[in-house]
Amino acid sequence: MRAPLYQVVTFASHVFHGNPAFVLTLDAAPDPSLMTGAAGLLGADVLAVISGLTDSAPSLHFFTPNGPHPGAGHATHASAHVALLRQGNNHDELSFRLPDGGLRPVRRDVHGIAADWPLMDYEVTGRGDQI
């Protein structure tokens, strides 16, 4: 199989600093066993795979050498970089369709690339003055 593969360093302002991620773009849905093997071959903690890049909501999957992964922030940002800036797209925003059916909106921002993240559950501890 031949497909474009990118290594993108996220959360960095200088080369060789930050958090690297591999992003693979495919025309069709990824084969999990093949992508798991690719993640291992690359030595990638997480391999992000975008399929259907020309669709209104391209699919975004994540794989580790141990199998499918629910997702990673740095790999999501790297995927947004590839989808918005590297594939000849002229979009300022798009939404990735995630394996659970949800959408992850991403967009170009004045400071780079921004993603909308779900609010995590929390509880008030009353210890704010100690922080």
Protein backbone atom coordinates (compact mmCIF):
# COMPACT_ATOMS: atom_id res chain seq x y z
CA MET A 1 0.00 0.00 0.00
CA ARG A 2 1.24 3.49 -0.83
CA ALA A 3 -0.17 6.49 1.03
CA PRO A 4 1.07 9.92 2.15
CA LEU A 5 2.68 9.81 5.59
CA TYR A 6 3.55 12.93 7.56
CA GLN A 7 5.51 13.45 10.75
CA VAL A 8 4.29 16.61 12.44
CA VAL A 9 5.75 18.11 15.62
CA THR A 10 3.01 19.66 17.74
CA PHE A 11 3.07 22.03 20.69
CA ALA A 12 6.43 23.49 19.64
CA SER A 13 7.86 26.73 18.35
CA HIS A 14 11.23 25.23 17.38
CA VAL A 15 12.20 22.22 15.28
CA PHE A 16 12.96 19.06 17.28
CA HIS A 17 11.05 20.32 20.31
CA GLY A 18 7.48 19.39 21.13
CA ASN A 19 5.47 16.25 20.63
CA PRO A 20 5.85 14.41 17.28
CA ALA A 21 2.98 12.54 15.68
CA PHE A 22 2.65 10.48 12.53
CA VAL A 23 -0.36 11.13 10.29
CA LEU A 24 -1.33 8.83 7.43
CA THR A 25 -3.94 9.80 4.82
CA LEU A 26 -6.00 7.11 3.08
CA ASP A 27 -8.83 7.11 0.57
CA ALA A 28 -10.77 4.35 2.36
CA ALA A 29 -11.32 3.27 5.96
CA PRO A 30 -8.17 1.92 7.64
CA ASP A 31 -7.61 -1.79 8.23
CA PRO A 32 -6.99 -1.99 12.02
CA SER A 33 -4.46 -4.84 11.86
CA LEU A 34 -2.50 -3.12 9.09
CA MET A 35 -2.51 0.22 10.94
CA THR A 36 -1.47 -1.45 14.21
CA GLY A 37 1.47 -3.00 12.35
CA ALA A 38 2.33 0.36 10.76
CA ALA A 39 2.36 2.05 14.17
CA GLY A 40 4.78 -0.60 15.41
CA LEU A 41 6.98 -0.34 12.33
CA LEU A 42 7.18 3.45 12.71
CA GLY A 43 7.87 3.21 16.44
CA ALA A 44 4.94 5.58 16.91
CA ASP A 45 3.23 5.97 20.25
CA VAL A 46 0.13 6.92 18.25
CA LEU A 47 -0.51 6.83 14.50
CA ALA A 48 -3.35 9.09 13.33
CA VAL A 49 -5.14 7.98 10.17
CA ILE A 50 -7.35 10.33 8.15
CA SER A 51 -9.62 8.70 5.57
CA GLY A 52 -11.94 10.39 3.13
CA LEU A 53 -10.08 13.68 3.31
CA THR A 54 -12.26 15.20 0.59
CA ASP A 55 -15.47 14.28 2.47
CA SER A 56 -17.37 16.95 4.38
CA ALA A 57 -16.35 15.21 7.63
CA PRO A 58 -13.23 13.06 7.08
CA SER A 59 -12.78 10.11 9.43
CA LEU A 60 -10.01 10.19 12.02
CA HIS A 61 -8.76 7.02 13.69
CA PHE A 62 -5.85 6.38 16.05
CA PHE A 63 -3.66 3.30 16.39
CA THR A 64 -0.84 2.20 18.65
CA PRO A 65 1.41 -0.84 18.25
CA ASN A 66 -1.12 -2.58 20.56
CA GLY A 67 -4.23 -1.78 18.50
CA PRO A 68 -6.87 0.93 18.08
CA HIS A 69 -6.64 3.89 20.45
CA PRO A 70 -9.45 6.26 21.54
CA GLY A 71 -7.45 9.34 20.55
CA ALA A 72 -4.66 11.71 21.43
CA GLY A 73 -4.56 15.49 21.58
CA HIS A 74 -1.23 15.95 19.86
CA ALA A 75 -2.18 13.53 17.07
CA THR A 76 -5.49 15.34 16.58
CA HIS A 77 -3.67 18.66 16.19
CA ALA A 78 -1.17 17.06 13.80
CA SER A 79 -4.06 15.64 11.76
CA ALA A 80 -5.70 19.06 11.62
CA HIS A 81 -2.43 20.52 10.34
CA VAL A 82 -2.29 17.94 7.56
CA ALA A 83 -5.98 18.25 6.66
CA LEU A 84 -6.09 22.06 6.70
CA LEU A 85 -2.64 23.03 5.48
CA ARG A 86 -0.77 20.17 3.81
CA GLN A 87 -3.24 18.45 1.50
CA GLY A 88 -3.92 21.44 -0.74
CA ASN A 89 -7.17 22.18 1.05
CA ASN A 90 -8.29 25.73 1.25
CA HIS A 91 -10.47 25.27 4.32
CA ASP A 92 -10.24 27.27 7.51
CA GLU A 93 -12.16 24.65 9.47
CA LEU A 94 -13.53 21.13 9.30
CA SER A 95 -14.87 18.43 11.58
CA PHE A 96 -13.32 14.99 11.87
CA ARG A 97 -15.71 12.07 12.33
CA LEU A 98 -14.40 9.92 15.20
CA PRO A 99 -14.82 6.12 15.51
CA ASP A 100 -17.56 6.58 18.15
CA GLY A 101 -19.58 8.67 15.66
CA GLY A 102 -18.81 11.98 17.35
CA LEU A 103 -17.33 15.00 15.62
CA ARG A 104 -14.13 16.86 16.52
CA PRO A 105 -14.19 20.39 15.04
CA VAL A 106 -10.78 21.87 14.19
CA ARG A 107 -9.89 25.22 12.66
CA ARG A 108 -7.11 27.60 11.79
CA ASP A 109 -6.66 30.19 14.50
CA VAL A 110 -4.54 33.32 14.68
CA HIS A 111 -2.11 31.36 16.89
CA GLY A 112 -2.08 28.14 14.86
CA ILE A 113 -4.63 25.35 14.96
CA ALA A 114 -7.44 25.01 17.49
CA ALA A 115 -9.60 22.00 18.34
CA ASP A 116 -12.83 21.80 20.32
CA TRP A 117 -12.45 19.37 23.20
CA PRO A 118 -15.27 17.91 25.29
CA LEU A 119 -15.68 19.23 28.81
CA MET A 120 -14.38 16.72 31.33
CA ASP A 121 -16.31 15.85 34.46
CA TYR A 122 -15.04 17.57 37.58
CA GLU A 123 -15.99 18.30 41.16
CA VAL A 124 -15.35 21.37 43.25
CA THR A 125 -12.87 20.64 46.05
CA GLY A 126 -13.08 23.94 47.91
CA ARG A 127 -9.27 24.03 48.01
CA GLY A 128 -8.71 26.76 45.42
CA ASP A 129 -6.96 29.00 47.94
CA GLN A 130 -4.32 26.30 48.46
CA ILE A 131 -3.31 26.28 44.83
